[in-house]
N, C-alpha and C. Protein backbone atom coordinates (compact mmCIF):
# COMPACT_ATOMS: atom_id res chain seq x y z
N UNK A 1 -19.18 -12.66 36.30
CA UNK A 1 -18.76 -13.87 35.62
C UNK A 1 -18.30 -13.56 34.19
N UNK A 2 -19.03 -12.70 33.51
CA UNK A 2 -18.68 -12.34 32.15
C UNK A 2 -17.36 -11.58 32.11
N UNK A 3 -17.12 -10.76 33.11
CA UNK A 3 -15.88 -9.99 33.19
C UNK A 3 -14.68 -10.91 33.40
N UNK A 4 -14.86 -11.95 34.21
CA UNK A 4 -13.79 -12.93 34.44
C UNK A 4 -13.47 -13.69 33.15
N UNK A 5 -14.48 -14.08 32.43
CA UNK A 5 -14.27 -14.78 31.16
C UNK A 5 -13.56 -13.88 30.15
N UNK A 6 -13.95 -12.62 30.11
CA UNK A 6 -13.32 -11.67 29.21
C UNK A 6 -11.85 -11.46 29.57
N UNK A 7 -11.56 -11.34 30.86
CA UNK A 7 -10.18 -11.16 31.31
C UNK A 7 -9.35 -12.38 30.98
N UNK A 8 -9.90 -13.57 31.15
CA UNK A 8 -9.20 -14.80 30.83
C UNK A 8 -8.91 -14.89 29.33
N UNK A 9 -9.85 -14.50 28.50
CA UNK A 9 -9.67 -14.52 27.05
C UNK A 9 -8.58 -13.53 26.62
N UNK A 10 -8.59 -12.34 27.22
CA UNK A 10 -7.57 -11.35 26.90
C UNK A 10 -6.19 -11.85 27.31
N UNK A 11 -6.08 -12.47 28.47
CA UNK A 11 -4.81 -13.02 28.94
C UNK A 11 -4.33 -14.14 28.02
N UNK A 12 -5.23 -14.98 27.58
CA UNK A 12 -4.87 -16.06 26.67
C UNK A 12 -4.42 -15.52 25.32
N UNK A 13 -5.10 -14.51 24.82
CA UNK A 13 -4.71 -13.88 23.56
C UNK A 13 -3.34 -13.22 23.69
N UNK A 14 -3.08 -12.57 24.81
CA UNK A 14 -1.78 -11.94 25.05
C UNK A 14 -0.67 -12.96 25.11
N UNK A 15 -0.92 -14.09 25.75
CA UNK A 15 0.09 -15.15 25.83
C UNK A 15 0.37 -15.73 24.44
N UNK A 16 -0.66 -15.91 23.64
CA UNK A 16 -0.46 -16.44 22.28
C UNK A 16 0.34 -15.45 21.44
N UNK A 17 0.06 -14.16 21.59
CA UNK A 17 0.81 -13.15 20.84
C UNK A 17 2.27 -13.11 21.29
N UNK A 18 2.51 -13.26 22.57
CA UNK A 18 3.88 -13.26 23.08
C UNK A 18 4.65 -14.49 22.58
N UNK A 19 4.00 -15.64 22.54
CA UNK A 19 4.65 -16.84 22.02
C UNK A 19 4.99 -16.71 20.54
N UNK A 20 4.09 -16.11 19.77
CA UNK A 20 4.35 -15.90 18.34
C UNK A 20 5.51 -14.93 18.14
N UNK A 21 5.57 -13.88 18.94
CA UNK A 21 6.68 -12.93 18.84
C UNK A 21 8.00 -13.60 19.21
N UNK A 22 7.99 -14.45 20.22
CA UNK A 22 9.20 -15.17 20.61
C UNK A 22 9.64 -16.13 19.52
N UNK A 23 8.68 -16.79 18.88
CA UNK A 23 9.02 -17.72 17.80
C UNK A 23 9.65 -16.97 16.63
N UNK A 24 9.07 -15.83 16.25
CA UNK A 24 9.62 -15.04 15.16
C UNK A 24 11.02 -14.54 15.49
N UNK A 25 11.23 -14.12 16.72
CA UNK A 25 12.56 -13.65 17.13
C UNK A 25 13.58 -14.78 17.07
N UNK A 26 13.17 -15.98 17.46
CA UNK A 26 14.08 -17.13 17.42
C UNK A 26 14.44 -17.49 15.98
N UNK A 27 13.47 -17.45 15.08
CA UNK A 27 13.74 -17.75 13.67
C UNK A 27 14.66 -16.70 13.08
N UNK A 28 14.43 -15.45 13.41
CA UNK A 28 15.27 -14.36 12.91
C UNK A 28 16.70 -14.50 13.44
N UNK A 29 16.84 -14.81 14.72
CA UNK A 29 18.17 -14.99 15.30
C UNK A 29 18.90 -16.17 14.67
N UNK A 30 18.18 -17.25 14.43
CA UNK A 30 18.79 -18.42 13.79
C UNK A 30 19.22 -18.10 12.37
N UNK A 31 18.45 -17.31 11.66
CA UNK A 31 18.80 -16.93 10.30
C UNK A 31 20.06 -16.08 10.28
N UNK A 32 20.13 -15.10 11.16
CA UNK A 32 21.33 -14.27 11.23
C UNK A 32 22.53 -15.06 11.71
N UNK A 33 22.32 -16.03 12.57
CA UNK A 33 23.41 -16.89 13.01
C UNK A 33 23.95 -17.70 11.84
N UNK A 34 23.08 -18.20 10.99
CA UNK A 34 23.51 -18.94 9.81
C UNK A 34 24.35 -18.06 8.89
N UNK A 35 23.90 -16.84 8.66
CA UNK A 35 24.65 -15.92 7.81
C UNK A 35 26.00 -15.60 8.44
N UNK A 36 26.01 -15.39 9.73
CA UNK A 36 27.27 -15.13 10.43
C UNK A 36 28.23 -16.30 10.34
N UNK A 37 27.68 -17.50 10.45
CA UNK A 37 28.53 -18.68 10.32
C UNK A 37 29.12 -18.79 8.92
N UNK A 38 28.33 -18.49 7.89
CA UNK A 38 28.86 -18.51 6.53
C UNK A 38 29.98 -17.49 6.34
N UNK A 39 29.81 -16.32 6.91
CA UNK A 39 30.87 -15.31 6.82
C UNK A 39 32.11 -15.75 7.57
N UNK A 40 31.94 -16.38 8.72
CA UNK A 40 33.08 -16.86 9.49
C UNK A 40 33.81 -17.97 8.74
N UNK A 41 33.06 -18.86 8.14
CA UNK A 41 33.68 -19.93 7.36
C UNK A 41 34.44 -19.35 6.17
N UNK A 42 33.89 -18.32 5.55
CA UNK A 42 34.58 -17.73 4.41
C UNK A 42 35.91 -17.13 4.81
N UNK A 43 35.98 -16.53 5.98
CA UNK A 43 37.26 -16.00 6.45
C UNK A 43 38.21 -17.10 6.88
N UNK A 44 37.68 -18.12 7.54
CA UNK A 44 38.52 -19.21 8.02
C UNK A 44 39.04 -20.09 6.90
N UNK A 45 38.23 -20.28 5.88
CA UNK A 45 38.61 -21.17 4.80
C UNK A 45 39.81 -20.65 4.03
N UNK A 46 39.97 -19.34 3.99
CA UNK A 46 41.10 -18.76 3.27
C UNK A 46 42.43 -19.13 3.91
N UNK A 47 42.43 -19.51 5.16
CA UNK A 47 43.69 -19.82 5.83
C UNK A 47 43.89 -21.31 6.05
N UNK A 48 43.00 -22.15 5.60
CA UNK A 48 43.11 -23.58 5.83
C UNK A 48 43.70 -24.31 4.63
N UNK A 49 43.70 -25.60 4.71
CA UNK A 49 44.36 -26.42 3.70
C UNK A 49 43.72 -26.33 2.32
N UNK A 50 42.43 -26.06 2.25
CA UNK A 50 41.80 -25.90 0.94
C UNK A 50 42.39 -24.73 0.18
N UNK A 51 42.70 -23.68 0.89
CA UNK A 51 43.36 -22.53 0.28
C UNK A 51 44.72 -22.93 -0.27
N UNK A 52 45.46 -23.72 0.50
CA UNK A 52 46.79 -24.16 0.04
C UNK A 52 46.70 -25.05 -1.19
N UNK A 53 45.66 -25.90 -1.25
CA UNK A 53 45.52 -26.78 -2.41
C UNK A 53 45.25 -25.97 -3.68
N UNK A 54 44.36 -25.01 -3.58
CA UNK A 54 44.09 -24.16 -4.74
C UNK A 54 45.28 -23.28 -5.04
N UNK A 55 46.00 -22.88 -4.00
CA UNK A 55 47.19 -22.06 -4.16
C UNK A 55 48.23 -22.77 -5.02
N UNK A 56 48.43 -24.04 -4.76
CA UNK A 56 49.44 -24.77 -5.53
C UNK A 56 48.99 -25.02 -6.97
N UNK A 57 47.69 -25.05 -7.20
CA UNK A 57 47.19 -25.32 -8.55
C UNK A 57 47.07 -24.05 -9.39
N UNK A 58 46.59 -22.97 -8.79
CA UNK A 58 46.27 -21.78 -9.59
C UNK A 58 47.09 -20.55 -9.24
N UNK A 59 47.69 -20.52 -8.11
CA UNK A 59 48.44 -19.33 -7.69
C UNK A 59 47.74 -18.62 -6.55
N UNK A 60 48.48 -17.74 -5.91
CA UNK A 60 48.01 -17.09 -4.69
C UNK A 60 46.79 -16.20 -4.88
N UNK A 61 46.83 -15.37 -5.89
CA UNK A 61 45.75 -14.41 -6.10
C UNK A 61 44.45 -15.11 -6.48
N UNK A 62 44.51 -16.03 -7.42
CA UNK A 62 43.30 -16.72 -7.84
C UNK A 62 42.71 -17.60 -6.74
N UNK A 63 43.55 -18.21 -5.94
CA UNK A 63 43.06 -19.06 -4.85
C UNK A 63 42.25 -18.23 -3.86
N UNK A 64 42.78 -17.09 -3.47
CA UNK A 64 42.07 -16.23 -2.52
C UNK A 64 40.77 -15.70 -3.13
N UNK A 65 40.81 -15.31 -4.38
CA UNK A 65 39.61 -14.80 -5.03
C UNK A 65 38.52 -15.85 -5.17
N UNK A 66 38.87 -17.04 -5.58
CA UNK A 66 37.88 -18.09 -5.81
C UNK A 66 37.19 -18.49 -4.49
N UNK A 67 37.97 -18.84 -3.49
CA UNK A 67 37.39 -19.31 -2.24
C UNK A 67 36.63 -18.18 -1.54
N UNK A 68 37.22 -17.03 -1.47
CA UNK A 68 36.56 -15.90 -0.81
C UNK A 68 35.26 -15.51 -1.48
N UNK A 69 35.25 -15.47 -2.80
CA UNK A 69 34.05 -15.06 -3.53
C UNK A 69 32.93 -16.10 -3.42
N UNK A 70 33.26 -17.36 -3.43
CA UNK A 70 32.23 -18.39 -3.33
C UNK A 70 31.48 -18.27 -2.01
N UNK A 71 32.21 -18.16 -0.91
CA UNK A 71 31.54 -18.05 0.38
C UNK A 71 30.88 -16.70 0.59
N UNK A 72 31.46 -15.65 0.04
CA UNK A 72 30.83 -14.34 0.14
C UNK A 72 29.50 -14.32 -0.60
N UNK A 73 29.45 -14.89 -1.78
CA UNK A 73 28.20 -14.96 -2.54
C UNK A 73 27.17 -15.81 -1.80
N UNK A 74 27.61 -16.91 -1.20
CA UNK A 74 26.69 -17.74 -0.43
C UNK A 74 26.12 -16.97 0.76
N UNK A 75 26.95 -16.19 1.43
CA UNK A 75 26.48 -15.40 2.56
C UNK A 75 25.52 -14.31 2.10
N UNK A 76 25.80 -13.67 0.97
CA UNK A 76 24.90 -12.63 0.47
C UNK A 76 23.56 -13.20 0.03
N UNK A 77 23.58 -14.38 -0.57
CA UNK A 77 22.32 -15.02 -0.95
C UNK A 77 21.50 -15.38 0.29
N UNK A 78 22.18 -15.88 1.31
CA UNK A 78 21.48 -16.21 2.55
C UNK A 78 20.90 -14.95 3.19
N UNK A 79 21.65 -13.86 3.17
CA UNK A 79 21.14 -12.61 3.74
C UNK A 79 19.94 -12.10 2.94
N UNK A 80 19.97 -12.23 1.62
CA UNK A 80 18.85 -11.84 0.79
C UNK A 80 17.62 -12.67 1.11
N UNK A 81 17.82 -13.96 1.31
CA UNK A 81 16.69 -14.84 1.67
C UNK A 81 16.10 -14.44 3.01
N UNK A 82 16.95 -14.09 3.97
CA UNK A 82 16.46 -13.65 5.28
C UNK A 82 15.67 -12.35 5.14
N UNK A 83 16.18 -11.42 4.36
CA UNK A 83 15.51 -10.13 4.18
C UNK A 83 14.16 -10.30 3.46
N UNK A 84 14.11 -11.16 2.45
CA UNK A 84 12.87 -11.37 1.72
C UNK A 84 11.84 -12.08 2.58
N UNK A 85 12.28 -12.92 3.49
CA UNK A 85 11.36 -13.65 4.36
C UNK A 85 10.68 -12.70 5.34
N UNK A 86 11.37 -11.61 5.70
CA UNK A 86 10.81 -10.64 6.65
C UNK A 86 9.67 -9.86 6.06
N UNK A 87 9.61 -9.71 4.75
CA UNK A 87 8.60 -8.86 4.13
C UNK A 87 7.29 -9.58 3.97
């Protein structure tokens, strides 16, 4: 009887550990997905109408630099937050 209880406790502990590992993996995947989305938006935004609006106001070089750098910095900050959360 004691052996059965011990086996059940070990199985329950293993299931709890597996669920925690799955939760951490899901959070990590969601974080990297967010960073990937920010990088995708930064590339896409350079070719959309916002780029053209800044282009007409400031010129071609400054428009690309401003929009690209803003989203790149946002992606790098998000990546830093993900890395710091892992520690």
